[in-house]
């Protein structure tokens, strides 16, 4: 069933979704619920519709799939209110940007997203 609070990805012509899962995006001043999505062209976190009206709105976070350098697990850092009380998927991108998202079935998600990474050959 479609959740009206989780908007679908806005895809470019010819782009298609390869993988997606609901989660919570960690940031320095709290976390935001939404969907982590990997397409044929991008890795993105799409915030819930409520995130746009919150006191500190989060815009779409996106990177070219070709910039994804590593996928792993970020261990708990026990920082309250930022997702640090849970292990999170850690997506590292060219240029040093990191995306941390708390999601269910973490190990499975890491393996699935790793399989979608572009080959560096």
PDB file of N, CA and C in Angstrom:
ATOM      1  N   UNK A   1       0.843  -1.186   0.000  1.00  0.00           N
ATOM      2  CA  UNK A   1       0.000   0.000   0.000  1.00  0.00           C
ATOM      3  C   UNK A   1       0.887   1.249   0.000  1.00  0.00           C
ATOM      4  N   UNK A   2       0.528   2.226  -0.790  1.00  0.00           N
ATOM      5  CA  UNK A   2       1.300   3.459  -0.895  1.00  0.00           C
ATOM      6  C   UNK A   2       1.094   4.338   0.340  1.00  0.00           C
ATOM      7  N   UNK A   3       2.184   4.836   0.908  1.00  0.00           N
ATOM      8  CA  UNK A   3       2.118   5.736   2.056  1.00  0.00           C
ATOM      9  C   UNK A   3       2.108   7.164   1.530  1.00  0.00           C
ATOM     10  N   UNK A   4       1.053   7.954   1.770  1.00  0.00           N
ATOM     11  CA  UNK A   4       0.984   9.313   1.232  1.00  0.00           C
ATOM     12  C   UNK A   4       2.052  10.255   1.795  1.00  0.00           C
ATOM     13  N   UNK A   5       2.676   9.885   2.914  1.00  0.00           N
ATOM     14  CA  UNK A   5       3.727  10.729   3.474  1.00  0.00           C
ATOM     15  C   UNK A   5       5.092  10.481   2.830  1.00  0.00           C
ATOM     16  N   UNK A   6       5.232   9.346   2.111  1.00  0.00           N
ATOM     17  CA  UNK A   6       6.498   9.018   1.449  1.00  0.00           C
ATOM     18  C   UNK A   6       6.363   9.276  -0.050  1.00  0.00           C
ATOM     19  N   UNK A   7       6.854  10.417  -0.513  1.00  0.00           N
ATOM     20  CA  UNK A   7       6.713  10.711  -1.938  1.00  0.00           C
ATOM     21  C   UNK A   7       7.579   9.770  -2.781  1.00  0.00           C
ATOM     22  N   UNK A   8       7.102   9.437  -3.979  1.00  0.00           N
ATOM     23  CA  UNK A   8       7.919   8.602  -4.863  1.00  0.00           C
ATOM     24  C   UNK A   8       9.081   9.416  -5.420  1.00  0.00           C
ATOM     25  N   UNK A   9      10.129   8.756  -5.881  1.00  0.00           N
ATOM     26  CA  UNK A   9      11.246   9.503  -6.464  1.00  0.00           C
ATOM     27  C   UNK A   9      10.828  10.187  -7.758  1.00  0.00           C
ATOM     28  N   UNK A  10      11.369  11.362  -7.984  1.00  0.00           N
ATOM     29  CA  UNK A  10      11.134  12.105  -9.219  1.00  0.00           C
ATOM     30  C   UNK A  10      12.230  11.672 -10.188  1.00  0.00           C
ATOM     31  N   UNK A  11      11.897  10.771 -11.092  1.00  0.00           N
ATOM     32  CA  UNK A  11      12.890  10.157 -11.960  1.00  0.00           C
ATOM     33  C   UNK A  11      13.082  10.937 -13.257  1.00  0.00           C
ATOM     34  N   UNK A  12      14.305  10.925 -13.747  1.00  0.00           N
ATOM     35  CA  UNK A  12      14.627  11.508 -15.047  1.00  0.00           C
ATOM     36  C   UNK A  12      14.184  10.529 -16.130  1.00  0.00           C
ATOM     37  N   UNK A  13      14.024  10.988 -17.375  1.00  0.00           N
ATOM     38  CA  UNK A  13      13.679  10.065 -18.462  1.00  0.00           C
ATOM     39  C   UNK A  13      14.712   8.935 -18.564  1.00  0.00           C
ATOM     40  N   UNK A  14      14.241   7.711 -18.627  1.00  0.00           N
ATOM     41  CA  UNK A  14      15.111   6.546 -18.742  1.00  0.00           C
ATOM     42  C   UNK A  14      15.668   6.033 -17.425  1.00  0.00           C
ATOM     43  N   UNK A  15      15.506   6.786 -16.343  1.00  0.00           N
ATOM     44  CA  UNK A  15      15.990   6.374 -15.020  1.00  0.00           C
ATOM     45  C   UNK A  15      14.959   5.445 -14.394  1.00  0.00           C
ATOM     46  N   UNK A  16      15.441   4.423 -13.671  1.00  0.00           N
ATOM     47  CA  UNK A  16      14.509   3.536 -12.975  1.00  0.00           C
ATOM     48  C   UNK A  16      15.049   3.185 -11.599  1.00  0.00           C
ATOM     49  N   UNK A  17      14.162   2.853 -10.692  1.00  0.00           N
ATOM     50  CA  UNK A  17      14.522   2.489  -9.321  1.00  0.00           C
ATOM     51  C   UNK A  17      15.076   1.068  -9.313  1.00  0.00           C
ATOM     52  N   UNK A  18      16.245   0.900  -8.697  1.00  0.00           N
ATOM     53  CA  UNK A  18      16.860  -0.418  -8.532  1.00  0.00           C
ATOM     54  C   UNK A  18      16.603  -0.985  -7.140  1.00  0.00           C
ATOM     55  N   UNK A  19      16.519  -0.090  -6.137  1.00  0.00           N
ATOM     56  CA  UNK A  19      16.399  -0.527  -4.742  1.00  0.00           C
ATOM     57  C   UNK A  19      15.868   0.647  -3.936  1.00  0.00           C
ATOM     58  N   UNK A  20      15.016   0.364  -2.955  1.00  0.00           N
ATOM     59  CA  UNK A  20      14.576   1.421  -2.033  1.00  0.00           C
ATOM     60  C   UNK A  20      14.077   0.804  -0.739  1.00  0.00           C
ATOM     61  N   UNK A  21      14.223   1.583   0.322  1.00  0.00           N
ATOM     62  CA  UNK A  21      13.784   1.117   1.631  1.00  0.00           C
ATOM     63  C   UNK A  21      13.540   2.338   2.528  1.00  0.00           C
ATOM     64  N   UNK A  22      12.483   2.310   3.356  1.00  0.00           N
ATOM     65  CA  UNK A  22      12.257   3.406   4.299  1.00  0.00           C
ATOM     66  C   UNK A  22      13.361   3.456   5.352  1.00  0.00           C
ATOM     67  N   UNK A  23      13.651   4.654   5.826  1.00  0.00           N
ATOM     68  CA  UNK A  23      14.678   4.805   6.848  1.00  0.00           C
ATOM     69  C   UNK A  23      14.659   6.194   7.449  1.00  0.00           C
ATOM     70  N   UNK A  24      15.651   6.448   8.300  1.00  0.00           N
ATOM     71  CA  UNK A  24      15.791   7.742   8.969  1.00  0.00           C
ATOM     72  C   UNK A  24      17.179   8.297   8.682  1.00  0.00           C
ATOM     73  N   UNK A  25      17.222   9.475   8.093  1.00  0.00           N
ATOM     74  CA  UNK A  25      18.457  10.145   7.722  1.00  0.00           C
ATOM     75  C   UNK A  25      19.043  10.845   8.940  1.00  0.00           C
ATOM     76  N   UNK A  26      20.296  10.543   9.257  1.00  0.00           N
ATOM     77  CA  UNK A  26      20.965  11.166  10.407  1.00  0.00           C
ATOM     78  C   UNK A  26      21.611  12.472   9.991  1.00  0.00           C
ATOM     79  N   UNK A  27      21.432  13.477  10.815  1.00  0.00           N
ATOM     80  CA  UNK A  27      22.125  14.751  10.610  1.00  0.00           C
ATOM     81  C   UNK A  27      22.469  15.334  11.962  1.00  0.00           C
ATOM     82  N   UNK A  28      23.247  16.393  11.964  1.00  0.00           N
ATOM     83  CA  UNK A  28      23.786  16.908  13.229  1.00  0.00           C
ATOM     84  C   UNK A  28      22.705  17.400  14.185  1.00  0.00           C
ATOM     85  N   UNK A  29      21.568  17.819  13.676  1.00  0.00           N
ATOM     86  CA  UNK A  29      20.494  18.322  14.537  1.00  0.00           C
ATOM     87  C   UNK A  29      19.256  17.452  14.410  1.00  0.00           C
ATOM     88  N   UNK A  30      19.411  16.167  14.641  1.00  0.00           N
ATOM     89  CA  UNK A  30      18.269  15.269  14.618  1.00  0.00           C
ATOM     90  C   UNK A  30      18.267  14.365  13.409  1.00  0.00           C
ATOM     91  N   UNK A  31      17.125  13.753  13.171  1.00  0.00           N
ATOM     92  CA  UNK A  31      16.981  12.828  12.063  1.00  0.00           C
ATOM     93  C   UNK A  31      15.664  13.114  11.361  1.00  0.00           C
ATOM     94  N   UNK A  32      15.568  12.634  10.123  1.00  0.00           N
ATOM     95  CA  UNK A  32      14.372  12.850   9.316  1.00  0.00           C
ATOM     96  C   UNK A  32      13.985  11.528   8.669  1.00  0.00           C
ATOM     97  N   UNK A  33      12.724  11.158   8.746  1.00  0.00           N
ATOM     98  CA  UNK A  33      12.237   9.950   8.108  1.00  0.00           C
ATOM     99  C   UNK A  33      12.067  10.140   6.615  1.00  0.00           C
ATOM    100  N   UNK A  34      12.151   9.041   5.878  1.00  0.00           N
ATOM    101  CA  UNK A  34      11.975   9.111   4.432  1.00  0.00           C
ATOM    102  C   UNK A  34      12.334   7.790   3.786  1.00  0.00           C
ATOM    103  N   UNK A  35      12.827   7.857   2.548  1.00  0.00           N
ATOM    104  CA  UNK A  35      13.166   6.668   1.778  1.00  0.00           C
ATOM    105  C   UNK A  35      14.562   6.795   1.201  1.00  0.00           C
ATOM    106  N   UNK A  36      15.391   5.779   1.449  1.00  0.00           N
ATOM    107  CA  UNK A  36      16.691   5.669   0.796  1.00  0.00           C
ATOM    108  C   UNK A  36      16.445   4.939  -0.514  1.00  0.00           C
ATOM    109  N   UNK A  37      16.915   5.522  -1.612  1.00  0.00           N
ATOM    110  CA  UNK A  37      16.596   5.007  -2.941  1.00  0.00           C
ATOM    111  C   UNK A  37      17.848   4.998  -3.809  1.00  0.00           C
ATOM    112  N   UNK A  38      18.050   3.888  -4.528  1.00  0.00           N
ATOM    113  CA  UNK A  38      19.134   3.789  -5.512  1.00  0.00           C
ATOM    114  C   UNK A  38      18.472   3.580  -6.867  1.00  0.00           C
ATOM    115  N   UNK A  39      18.827   4.441  -7.812  1.00  0.00           N
ATOM    116  CA  UNK A  39      18.292   4.320  -9.166  1.00  0.00           C
ATOM    117  C   UNK A  39      19.443   3.974 -10.110  1.00  0.00           C
ATOM    118  N   UNK A  40      19.137   3.880 -11.374  1.00  0.00           N
ATOM    119  CA  UNK A  40      20.173   3.610 -12.373  1.00  0.00           C
ATOM    120  C   UNK A  40      21.151   4.771 -12.491  1.00  0.00           C
ATOM    121  N   UNK A  41      20.799   5.942 -11.942  1.00  0.00           N
ATOM    122  CA  UNK A  41      21.662   7.116 -12.063  1.00  0.00           C
ATOM    123  C   UNK A  41      22.068   7.747 -10.739  1.00  0.00           C
ATOM    124  N   UNK A  42      21.279   7.556  -9.678  1.00  0.00           N
ATOM    125  CA  UNK A  42      21.511   8.310  -8.440  1.00  0.00           C
ATOM    126  C   UNK A  42      21.303   7.459  -7.189  1.00  0.00           C
ATOM    127  N   UNK A  43      21.897   7.962  -6.108  1.00  0.00           N
ATOM    128  CA  UNK A  43      21.592   7.511  -4.752  1.00  0.00           C
ATOM    129  C   UNK A  43      20.934   8.709  -4.097  1.00  0.00           C
ATOM    130  N   UNK A  44      19.760   8.513  -3.501  1.00  0.00           N
ATOM    131  CA  UNK A  44      19.075   9.656  -2.908  1.00  0.00           C
ATOM    132  C   UNK A  44      18.316   9.265  -1.656  1.00  0.00           C
ATOM    133  N   UNK A  45      18.163  10.251  -0.785  1.00  0.00           N
ATOM    134  CA  UNK A  45      17.284  10.114   0.364  1.00  0.00           C
ATOM    135  C   UNK A  45      16.158  11.105   0.152  1.00  0.00           C
ATOM    136  N   UNK A  46      14.940  10.577   0.087  1.00  0.00           N
ATOM    137  CA  UNK A  46      13.760  11.398  -0.167  1.00  0.00           C
ATOM    138  C   UNK A  46      13.027  11.570   1.162  1.00  0.00           C
ATOM    139  N   UNK A  47      13.037  12.779   1.737  1.00  0.00           N
ATOM    140  CA  UNK A  47      12.373  12.985   3.031  1.00  0.00           C
ATOM    141  C   UNK A  47      10.857  12.832   2.921  1.00  0.00           C
ATOM    142  N   UNK A  48      10.232  12.499   4.042  1.00  0.00           N
ATOM    143  CA  UNK A  48       8.771  12.452   4.066  1.00  0.00           C
ATOM    144  C   UNK A  48       8.230  13.850   3.787  1.00  0.00           C
ATOM    145  N   UNK A  49       6.978  13.883   3.408  1.00  0.00           N
ATOM    146  CA  UNK A  49       6.359  15.190   3.138  1.00  0.00           C
ATOM    147  C   UNK A  49       6.340  16.061   4.392  1.00  0.00           C
ATOM    148  N   UNK A  50       6.275  15.459   5.569  1.00  0.00           N
ATOM    149  CA  UNK A  50       6.282  16.233   6.818  1.00  0.00           C
ATOM    150  C   UNK A  50       7.621  16.916   7.058  1.00  0.00           C
ATOM    151  N   UNK A  51       8.702  16.378   6.518  1.00  0.00           N
ATOM    152  CA  UNK A  51      10.033  16.968   6.729  1.00  0.00           C
ATOM    153  C   UNK A  51      10.123  18.357   6.129  1.00  0.00           C
ATOM    154  N   UNK A  52       9.333  18.647   5.119  1.00  0.00           N
ATOM    155  CA  UNK A  52       9.390  19.952   4.466  1.00  0.00           C
ATOM    156  C   UNK A  52       8.722  21.044   5.285  1.00  0.00           C
ATOM    157  N   UNK A  53       7.922  20.667   6.272  1.00  0.00           N
ATOM    158  CA  UNK A  53       7.242  21.663   7.094  1.00  0.00           C
ATOM    159  C   UNK A  53       7.785  21.693   8.519  1.00  0.00           C
ATOM    160  N   UNK A  54       8.817  20.926   8.796  1.00  0.00           N
ATOM    161  CA  UNK A  54       9.376  20.882  10.148  1.00  0.00           C
ATOM    162  C   UNK A  54      10.198  22.139  10.418  1.00  0.00           C
ATOM    163  N   UNK A  55      10.657  22.281  11.658  1.00  0.00           N
ATOM    164  CA  UNK A  55      11.426  23.461  12.050  1.00  0.00           C
ATOM    165  C   UNK A  55      12.779  23.531  11.351  1.00  0.00           C
ATOM    166  N   UNK A  56      13.290  22.420  10.901  1.00  0.00           N
ATOM    167  CA  UNK A  56      14.570  22.377  10.191  1.00  0.00           C
ATOM    168  C   UNK A  56      14.411  21.451   8.981  1.00  0.00           C
ATOM    169  N   UNK A  57      13.762  21.944   7.917  1.00  0.00           N
ATOM    170  CA  UNK A  57      13.448  21.059   6.798  1.00  0.00           C
ATOM    171  C   UNK A  57      14.694  20.480   6.129  1.00  0.00           C
ATOM    172  N   UNK A  58      14.530  19.277   5.611  1.00  0.00           N
ATOM    173  CA  UNK A  58      15.598  18.599   4.873  1.00  0.00           C
ATOM    174  C   UNK A  58      15.158  18.478   3.429  1.00  0.00           C
ATOM    175  N   UNK A  59      16.008  18.922   2.533  1.00  0.00           N
ATOM    176  CA  UNK A  59      15.718  18.788   1.112  1.00  0.00           C
ATOM    177  C   UNK A  59      16.226  17.433   0.638  1.00  0.00           C
ATOM    178  N   UNK A  60      15.829  17.082  -0.559  1.00  0.00           N
ATOM    179  CA  UNK A  60      16.287  15.859  -1.191  1.00  0.00           C
ATOM    180  C   UNK A  60      17.812  15.804  -1.150  1.00  0.00           C
ATOM    181  N   UNK A  61      18.346  14.703  -0.648  1.00  0.00           N
ATOM    182  CA  UNK A  61      19.785  14.465  -0.640  1.00  0.00           C
ATOM    183  C   UNK A  61      20.071  13.511  -1.787  1.00  0.00           C
ATOM    184  N   UNK A  62      20.938  13.914  -2.724  1.00  0.00           N
ATOM    185  CA  UNK A  62      21.192  13.045  -3.863  1.00  0.00           C
ATOM    186  C   UNK A  62      22.616  13.177  -4.369  1.00  0.00           C
ATOM    187  N   UNK A  63      23.112  12.066  -4.899  1.00  0.00           N
ATOM    188  CA  UNK A  63      24.460  11.987  -5.462  1.00  0.00           C
ATOM    189  C   UNK A  63      24.409  11.096  -6.691  1.00  0.00           C
ATOM    190  N   UNK A  64      25.260  11.354  -7.668  1.00  0.00           N
ATOM    191  CA  UNK A  64      25.335  10.423  -8.798  1.00  0.00           C
ATOM    192  C   UNK A  64      25.773   9.041  -8.313  1.00  0.00           C
ATOM    193  N   UNK A  65      25.166   8.004  -8.858  1.00  0.00           N
ATOM    194  CA  UNK A  65      25.534   6.642  -8.489  1.00  0.00           C
ATOM    195  C   UNK A  65      27.019   6.396  -8.751  1.00  0.00           C
ATOM    196  N   UNK A  66      27.560   7.011  -9.784  1.00  0.00           N
ATOM    197  CA  UNK A  66      28.977   6.831 -10.113  1.00  0.00           C
ATOM    198  C   UNK A  66      29.902   7.429  -9.058  1.00  0.00           C
ATOM    199  N   UNK A  67      29.380   8.303  -8.178  1.00  0.00           N
ATOM    200  CA  UNK A  67      30.187   8.890  -7.094  1.00  0.00           C
ATOM    201  C   UNK A  67      30.188   8.047  -5.828  1.00  0.00           C
ATOM    202  N   UNK A  68      29.387   6.988  -5.788  1.00  0.00           N
ATOM    203  CA  UNK A  68      29.339   6.117  -4.609  1.00  0.00           C
ATOM    204  C   UNK A  68      30.623   5.305  -4.531  1.00  0.00           C
ATOM    205  N   UNK A  69      31.412   5.543  -3.480  1.00  0.00           N
ATOM    206  CA  UNK A  69      32.708   4.877  -3.342  1.00  0.00           C
ATOM    207  C   UNK A  69      32.681   3.689  -2.399  1.00  0.00           C
ATOM    208  N   UNK A  70      31.848   3.740  -1.356  1.00  0.00           N
ATOM    209  CA  UNK A  70      31.784   2.608  -0.432  1.00  0.00           C
ATOM    210  C   UNK A  70      30.447   2.588   0.293  1.00  0.00           C
ATOM    211  N   UNK A  71      30.078   1.371   0.697  1.00  0.00           N
ATOM    212  CA  UNK A  71      28.852   1.139   1.467  1.00  0.00           C
ATOM    213  C   UNK A  71      29.248   0.249   2.633  1.00  0.00           C
ATOM    214  N   UNK A  72      28.890   0.651   3.837  1.00  0.00           N
ATOM    215  CA  UNK A  72      29.245  -0.128   5.009  1.00  0.00           C
ATOM    216  C   UNK A  72      28.295   0.153   6.154  1.00  0.00           C
ATOM    217  N   UNK A  73      28.725  -0.210   7.340  1.00  0.00           N
ATOM    218  CA  UNK A  73      27.926  -0.008   8.548  1.00  0.00           C
ATOM    219  C   UNK A  73      28.627   1.003   9.451  1.00  0.00           C
ATOM    220  N   UNK A  74      27.888   2.005   9.861  1.00  0.00           N
ATOM    221  CA  UNK A  74      28.359   2.986  10.839  1.00  0.00           C
ATOM    222  C   UNK A  74      27.922   2.488  12.204  1.00  0.00           C
ATOM    223  N   UNK A  75      28.884   2.240  13.069  1.00  0.00           N
ATOM    224  CA  UNK A  75      28.569   1.731  14.403  1.00  0.00           C
ATOM    225  C   UNK A  75      27.871   2.804  15.242  1.00  0.00           C
ATOM    226  N   UNK A  76      27.225   2.380  16.288  1.00  0.00           N
ATOM    227  CA  UNK A  76      26.574   3.308  17.212  1.00  0.00           C
ATOM    228  C   UNK A  76      27.612   4.268  17.777  1.00  0.00           C
ATOM    229  N   UNK A  77      27.252   5.541  17.892  1.00  0.00           N
ATOM    230  CA  UNK A  77      28.122   6.494  18.580  1.00  0.00           C
ATOM    231  C   UNK A  77      27.427   7.055  19.824  1.00  0.00           C
ATOM    232  N   UNK A  78      26.224   6.552  20.074  1.00  0.00           N
ATOM    233  CA  UNK A  78      25.428   6.872  21.267  1.00  0.00           C
ATOM    234  C   UNK A  78      25.094   8.357  21.386  1.00  0.00           C
ATOM    235  N   UNK A  79      25.100   9.063  20.264  1.00  0.00           N
ATOM    236  CA  UNK A  79      24.676  10.456  20.260  1.00  0.00           C
ATOM    237  C   UNK A  79      23.156  10.488  20.157  1.00  0.00           C
ATOM    238  N   UNK A  80      22.484  11.044  21.184  1.00  0.00           N
ATOM    239  CA  UNK A  80      21.026  11.051  21.143  1.00  0.00           C
ATOM    240  C   UNK A  80      20.488  12.000  20.074  1.00  0.00           C
ATOM    241  N   UNK A  81      19.315  11.684  19.555  1.00  0.00           N
ATOM    242  CA  UNK A  81      18.549  12.511  18.624  1.00  0.00           C
ATOM    243  C   UNK A  81      19.163  12.651  17.232  1.00  0.00           C
ATOM    244  N   UNK A  82      20.237  11.938  16.911  1.00  0.00           N
ATOM    245  CA  UNK A  82      20.827  12.033  15.569  1.00  0.00           C
ATOM    246  C   UNK A  82      20.904  10.658  14.908  1.00  0.00           C
ATOM    247  N   UNK A  83      20.299   9.664  15.514  1.00  0.00           N
ATOM    248  CA  UNK A  83      20.364   8.317  14.976  1.00  0.00           C
ATOM    249  C   UNK A  83      21.525   7.515  15.512  1.00  0.00           C
ATOM    250  N   UNK A  84      22.358   8.120  16.354  1.00  0.00           N
ATOM    251  CA  UNK A  84      23.552   7.475  16.865  1.00  0.00           C
ATOM    252  C   UNK A  84      23.321   6.358  17.860  1.00  0.00           C
ATOM    253  N   UNK A  85      22.077   6.150  18.242  1.00  0.00           N
ATOM    254  CA  UNK A  85      21.768   5.066  19.153  1.00  0.00           C
ATOM    255  C   UNK A  85      21.574   3.752  18.400  1.00  0.00           C
ATOM    256  N   UNK A  86      21.624   3.821  17.079  1.00  0.00           N
ATOM    257  CA  UNK A  86      21.470   2.634  16.225  1.00  0.00           C
ATOM    258  C   UNK A  86      22.638   2.553  15.252  1.00  0.00           C
ATOM    259  N   UNK A  87      22.922   1.353  14.799  1.00  0.00           N
ATOM    260  CA  UNK A  87      23.848   1.200  13.678  1.00  0.00           C
ATOM    261  C   UNK A  87      23.124   1.714  12.439  1.00  0.00           C
ATOM    262  N   UNK A  88      23.888   2.284  11.494  1.00  0.00           N
ATOM    263  CA  UNK A  88      23.292   2.850  10.293  1.00  0.00           C
ATOM    264  C   UNK A  88      24.061   2.420   9.053  1.00  0.00           C
ATOM    265  N   UNK A  89      23.405   2.450   7.904  1.00  0.00           N
ATOM    266  CA  UNK A  89      24.111   2.234   6.658  1.00  0.00           C
ATOM    267  C   UNK A  89      24.917   3.500   6.369  1.00  0.00           C
ATOM    268  N   UNK A  90      26.162   3.297   5.957  1.00  0.00           N
ATOM    269  CA  UNK A  90      27.086   4.413   5.697  1.00  0.00           C
ATOM    270  C   UNK A  90      27.424   4.396   4.216  1.00  0.00           C
ATOM    271  N   UNK A  91      27.031   5.464   3.526  1.00  0.00           N
ATOM    272  CA  UNK A  91      27.293   5.610   2.106  1.00  0.00           C
ATOM    273  C   UNK A  91      28.307   6.734   1.935  1.00  0.00           C
ATOM    274  N   UNK A  92      29.481   6.405   1.398  1.00  0.00           N
ATOM    275  CA  UNK A  92      30.544   7.397   1.209  1.00  0.00           C
ATOM    276  C   UNK A  92      30.655   7.729  -0.277  1.00  0.00           C
ATOM    277  N   UNK A  93      30.757   9.022  -0.562  1.00  0.00           N
ATOM    278  CA  UNK A  93      30.780   9.498  -1.934  1.00  0.00           C
ATOM    279  C   UNK A  93      32.083  10.225  -2.248  1.00  0.00           C
ATOM    280  N   UNK A  94      32.424  10.229  -3.528  1.00  0.00           N
ATOM    281  CA  UNK A  94      33.586  10.975  -3.997  1.00  0.00           C
ATOM    282  C   UNK A  94      33.452  12.421  -3.509  1.00  0.00           C
ATOM    283  N   UNK A  95      34.525  12.990  -3.039  1.00  0.00           N
ATOM    284  CA  UNK A  95      34.493  14.341  -2.493  1.00  0.00           C
ATOM    285  C   UNK A  95      34.371  14.366  -0.983  1.00  0.00           C
ATOM    286  N   UNK A  96      34.134  13.187  -0.368  1.00  0.00           N
ATOM    287  CA  UNK A  96      34.123  13.110   1.085  1.00  0.00           C
ATOM    288  C   UNK A  96      32.769  13.158   1.756  1.00  0.00           C
ATOM    289  N   UNK A  97      31.691  13.368   1.015  1.00  0.00           N
ATOM    290  CA  UNK A  97      30.370  13.396   1.645  1.00  0.00           C
ATOM    291  C   UNK A  97      29.979  12.000   2.123  1.00  0.00           C
ATOM    292  N   UNK A  98      29.281  11.972   3.258  1.00  0.00           N
ATOM    293  CA  UNK A  98      28.813  10.723   3.872  1.00  0.00           C
ATOM    294  C   UNK A  98      27.320  10.846   4.097  1.00  0.00           C
ATOM    295  N   UNK A  99      26.591   9.783   3.802  1.00  0.00           N
ATOM    296  CA  UNK A  99      25.166   9.717   4.097  1.00  0.00           C
ATOM    297  C   UNK A  99      24.973   8.578   5.095  1.00  0.00           C
ATOM    298  N   UNK A 100      24.339   8.864   6.229  1.00  0.00           N
ATOM    299  CA  UNK A 100      24.031   7.857   7.245  1.00  0.00           C
ATOM    300  C   UNK A 100      22.528   7.717   7.358  1.00  0.00           C
ATOM    301  N   UNK A 101      22.045   6.471   7.226  1.00  0.00           N
ATOM    302  CA  UNK A 101      20.608   6.225   7.280  1.00  0.00           C
ATOM    303  C   UNK A 101      20.347   4.988   8.133  1.00  0.00           C
ATOM    304  N   UNK A 102      19.488   5.148   9.129  1.00  0.00           N
ATOM    305  CA  UNK A 102      19.068   4.010   9.955  1.00  0.00           C
ATOM    306  C   UNK A 102      17.950   3.289   9.215  1.00  0.00           C
ATOM    307  N   UNK A 103      18.155   1.991   8.953  1.00  0.00           N
ATOM    308  CA  UNK A 103      17.161   1.198   8.247  1.00  0.00           C
ATOM    309  C   UNK A 103      17.072  -0.188   8.881  1.00  0.00           C
ATOM    310  N   UNK A 104      15.965  -0.844   8.654  1.00  0.00           N
ATOM    311  CA  UNK A 104      15.793  -2.215   9.154  1.00  0.00           C
ATOM    312  C   UNK A 104      16.577  -3.176   8.267  1.00  0.00           C
ATOM    313  N   UNK A 105      16.909  -4.329   8.823  1.00  0.00           N
ATOM    314  CA  UNK A 105      17.641  -5.375   8.092  1.00  0.00           C
ATOM    315  C   UNK A 105      18.927  -4.797   7.491  1.00  0.00           C
ATOM    316  N   UNK A 106      19.727  -4.204   8.364  1.00  0.00           N
ATOM    317  CA  UNK A 106      20.894  -3.426   7.962  1.00  0.00           C
ATOM    318  C   UNK A 106      21.896  -4.219   7.134  1.00  0.00           C
ATOM    319  N   UNK A 107      22.312  -5.378   7.605  1.00  0.00           N
ATOM    320  CA  UNK A 107      23.330  -6.152   6.881  1.00  0.00           C
ATOM    321  C   UNK A 107      22.847  -6.517   5.480  1.00  0.00           C
ATOM    322  N   UNK A 108      21.607  -6.926   5.391  1.00  0.00           N
ATOM    323  CA  UNK A 108      21.015  -7.259   4.091  1.00  0.00           C
ATOM    324  C   UNK A 108      21.019  -6.041   3.165  1.00  0.00           C
ATOM    325  N   UNK A 109      20.655  -4.877   3.700  1.00  0.00           N
ATOM    326  CA  UNK A 109      20.631  -3.652   2.899  1.00  0.00           C
ATOM    327  C   UNK A 109      22.024  -3.280   2.407  1.00  0.00           C
ATOM    328  N   UNK A 110      23.023  -3.401   3.276  1.00  0.00           N
ATOM    329  CA  UNK A 110      24.398  -3.095   2.885  1.00  0.00           C
ATOM    330  C   UNK A 110      24.818  -3.977   1.716  1.00  0.00           C
ATOM    331  N   UNK A 111      24.555  -5.259   1.820  1.00  0.00           N
ATOM    332  CA  UNK A 111      24.941  -6.193   0.756  1.00  0.00           C
ATOM    333  C   UNK A 111      24.204  -5.890  -0.546  1.00  0.00           C
ATOM    334  N   UNK A 112      22.931  -5.563  -0.452  1.00  0.00           N
ATOM    335  CA  UNK A 112      22.155  -5.266  -1.653  1.00  0.00           C
ATOM    336  C   UNK A 112      22.639  -3.995  -2.348  1.00  0.00           C
ATOM    337  N   UNK A 113      22.937  -2.953  -1.561  1.00  0.00           N
ATOM    338  CA  UNK A 113      23.410  -1.706  -2.162  1.00  0.00           C
ATOM    339  C   UNK A 113      24.839  -1.871  -2.697  1.00  0.00           C
ATOM    340  N   UNK A 114      25.675  -2.615  -1.983  1.00  0.00           N
ATOM    341  CA  UNK A 114      27.024  -2.887  -2.500  1.00  0.00           C
ATOM    342  C   UNK A 114      26.964  -3.545  -3.872  1.00  0.00           C
ATOM    343  N   UNK A 115      26.020  -4.443  -4.072  1.00  0.00           N
ATOM    344  CA  UNK A 115      25.880  -5.139  -5.348  1.00  0.00           C
ATOM    345  C   UNK A 115      25.481  -4.189  -6.485  1.00  0.00           C
ATOM    346  N   UNK A 116      24.936  -3.033  -6.140  1.00  0.00           N
ATOM    347  CA  UNK A 116      24.510  -2.066  -7.157  1.00  0.00           C
ATOM    348  C   UNK A 116      25.593  -1.037  -7.482  1.00  0.00           C
ATOM    349  N   UNK A 117      26.691  -1.080  -6.736  1.00  0.00           N
ATOM    350  CA  UNK A 117      27.762  -0.095  -6.964  1.00  0.00           C
ATOM    351  C   UNK A 117      28.373  -0.288  -8.350  1.00  0.00           C
ATOM    352  N   UNK A 118      28.689   0.831  -9.017  1.00  0.00           N
ATOM    353  CA  UNK A 118      29.337   0.710 -10.324  1.00  0.00           C
ATOM    354  C   UNK A 118      30.719   0.083 -10.176  1.00  0.00           C
ATOM    355  N   UNK A 119      31.096  -0.752 -11.125  1.00  0.00           N
ATOM    356  CA  UNK A 119      32.425  -1.359 -11.071  1.00  0.00           C
ATOM    357  C   UNK A 119      33.474  -0.301 -11.365  1.00  0.00           C
ATOM    358  N   UNK A 120      34.608  -0.440 -10.743  1.00  0.00           N
ATOM    359  CA  UNK A 120      35.692   0.554 -10.872  1.00  0.00           C
ATOM    360  C   UNK A 120      36.786   0.054 -11.825  1.00  0.00           C
ATOM    361  N   UNK A 121      36.427  -0.815 -12.755  1.00  0.00           N
ATOM    362  CA  UNK A 121      37.398  -1.408 -13.664  1.00  0.00           C
ATOM    363  C   UNK A 121      37.767  -0.518 -14.749  1.00  0.00           C
TER     364      UNK A 121
END
